[in-house]
Protein backbone atom coordinates (compact mmCIF):
# COMPACT_ATOMS: atom_id res chain seq x y z
CA MET A 1 37.54 65.56 -68.63
CA ARG A 2 36.76 68.99 -67.23
CA ARG A 3 33.73 69.28 -69.52
CA THR A 4 32.40 65.92 -68.30
CA ILE A 5 32.69 66.95 -64.65
CA THR A 6 30.93 70.26 -65.37
CA PHE A 7 28.14 68.45 -67.23
CA ILE A 8 27.67 65.88 -64.46
CA SER A 9 27.63 68.63 -61.82
CA ALA A 10 24.99 70.55 -63.76
CA MET A 11 22.83 67.43 -64.12
CA ILE A 12 23.07 66.71 -60.39
CA CYS A 13 22.03 70.30 -59.58
CA LEU A 14 19.05 70.07 -61.94
CA LEU A 15 18.01 66.76 -60.45
CA LEU A 16 18.22 68.14 -56.90
CA LEU A 17 16.23 71.25 -57.81
CA ASN A 18 13.58 69.20 -59.54
CA SER A 19 13.27 66.77 -56.60
CA CYS A 20 12.48 69.69 -54.26
CA ASN A 21 9.04 69.78 -55.85
CA LEU A 22 8.40 66.25 -54.63
CA PHE A 23 9.21 67.09 -51.02
CA GLU A 24 5.74 68.47 -50.16
CA GLY A 25 3.41 67.11 -52.83
CA TRP A 26 3.80 67.82 -56.51
CA GLY A 27 4.21 71.55 -56.16
CA ALA A 28 2.53 74.75 -57.13
CA ASN A 29 2.97 74.11 -60.85
CA ASN A 30 0.23 71.48 -60.78
CA LEU A 31 -2.35 73.51 -58.84
CA ASP A 32 -3.64 75.06 -62.05
CA LYS A 33 -4.54 71.57 -63.27
CA VAL A 34 -7.12 71.17 -60.50
CA GLN A 35 -10.54 72.16 -61.80
CA LYS A 36 -14.02 72.47 -60.32
CA GLY A 37 -15.97 69.25 -60.88
CA MET A 38 -12.94 66.91 -60.63
CA THR A 39 -13.16 63.90 -58.34
CA ARG A 40 -10.98 63.40 -55.26
CA LYS A 41 -9.22 60.59 -57.10
CA GLU A 42 -8.28 62.94 -59.96
CA VAL A 43 -6.98 65.58 -57.52
CA ILE A 44 -4.84 63.01 -55.69
CA LYS A 45 -3.49 61.76 -59.01
CA ILE A 46 -2.35 65.34 -59.80
CA LEU A 47 -1.16 66.52 -56.36
CA GLY A 48 -0.50 63.31 -54.43
CA ASN A 49 -1.90 62.49 -51.00
CA PRO A 50 -3.10 65.50 -49.00
CA ARG A 51 -1.26 66.70 -45.91
CA THR A 52 -4.47 67.04 -43.88
CA ARG A 53 -8.14 66.19 -44.24
CA SER A 54 -11.17 67.56 -42.37
CA PHE A 55 -14.95 67.71 -42.59
CA GLU A 56 -17.53 70.40 -41.86
CA GLY A 57 -21.16 69.53 -42.58
CA ASP A 58 -21.27 67.82 -45.95
CA THR A 59 -18.08 69.47 -47.21
CA GLU A 60 -14.65 67.82 -47.03
CA ASP A 61 -11.41 69.83 -46.99
CA ILE A 62 -8.18 68.25 -48.19
CA ALA A 63 -5.10 70.42 -47.75
CA TYR A 64 -1.66 70.51 -49.35
CA LYS A 65 1.46 72.26 -48.08
CA ILE A 66 3.67 73.50 -50.90
CA LEU A 67 7.09 75.09 -50.51
CA GLN A 68 7.52 78.15 -52.69
CA HIS A 69 10.66 78.09 -54.85
CA ILE A 70 10.27 81.71 -55.93
CA ASN A 71 10.19 83.03 -52.36
CA PRO A 72 11.72 80.59 -49.83
CA ASP A 73 10.38 82.73 -46.97
CA LEU A 74 6.82 81.68 -47.82
CA ILE A 75 4.95 78.41 -47.75
CA SER A 76 1.49 77.95 -49.20
CA PHE A 77 -1.37 75.89 -47.88
CA THR A 78 -3.95 75.01 -50.51
CA HIS A 79 -7.35 73.80 -49.36
CA ILE A 80 -9.49 71.90 -51.83
CA TYR A 81 -13.15 71.65 -50.89
CA LEU A 82 -15.12 68.58 -51.95
CA LYS A 83 -18.84 67.89 -51.84
CA ASN A 84 -20.08 64.42 -52.80
CA ASP A 85 -16.47 63.52 -53.72
CA THR A 86 -16.34 66.39 -56.27
CA VAL A 87 -14.27 69.59 -56.17
CA VAL A 88 -16.47 72.61 -55.41
CA GLY A 89 -13.77 75.11 -54.44
CA MET A 90 -10.10 75.81 -53.76
CA LYS A 91 -8.31 78.40 -51.61
CA THR A 92 -4.58 79.06 -51.15
CA GLU A 93 -3.09 80.98 -48.24
CA MET A 94 0.52 82.07 -47.84
CA ARG A 95 2.36 81.86 -44.52
CA PRO A 96 5.89 82.78 -43.45
CA PHE A 97 8.41 79.94 -43.58
CA PRO A 98 9.79 78.93 -41.20
CA PRO A 99 6.83 79.76 -38.94
CA GLN A 100 7.45 82.80 -36.78
CA GLN A 101 7.84 82.02 -33.10
CA ASN A 102 6.26 84.19 -30.44
CA VAL A 103 9.16 85.64 -28.51
CA ILE A 104 8.63 87.05 -25.04
CA VAL A 105 11.31 89.46 -23.94
CA LYS A 106 11.63 89.96 -20.20
CA GLU A 107 12.89 93.26 -18.93
CA LYS A 108 15.74 93.14 -16.47
CA SER A 109 15.09 94.47 -12.98
CA LYS A 110 17.13 97.49 -11.95
């Protein structure tokens, strides 16, 4: 009985850890599957729907936010650049998580 409970607990933990990857897209493990020349449809099939989308000139930027499991204090934003519906570039930037708030400290009057 004890072995069964331990096994079920371990399976639940594994399931929960694995589902964290689905919280913000498919996760960093799939970024290496994105290649130059892929279509938007292929990228979305690999990473899911983008978090944001923007245009500048004839280039489109679709962005994904991915929580980092290795360092929970960081979050990555990956921008995939498309031209004529084809991947022409990709850039990932790391930011602190949760975002740092600007704190204003007022001095007390004497």
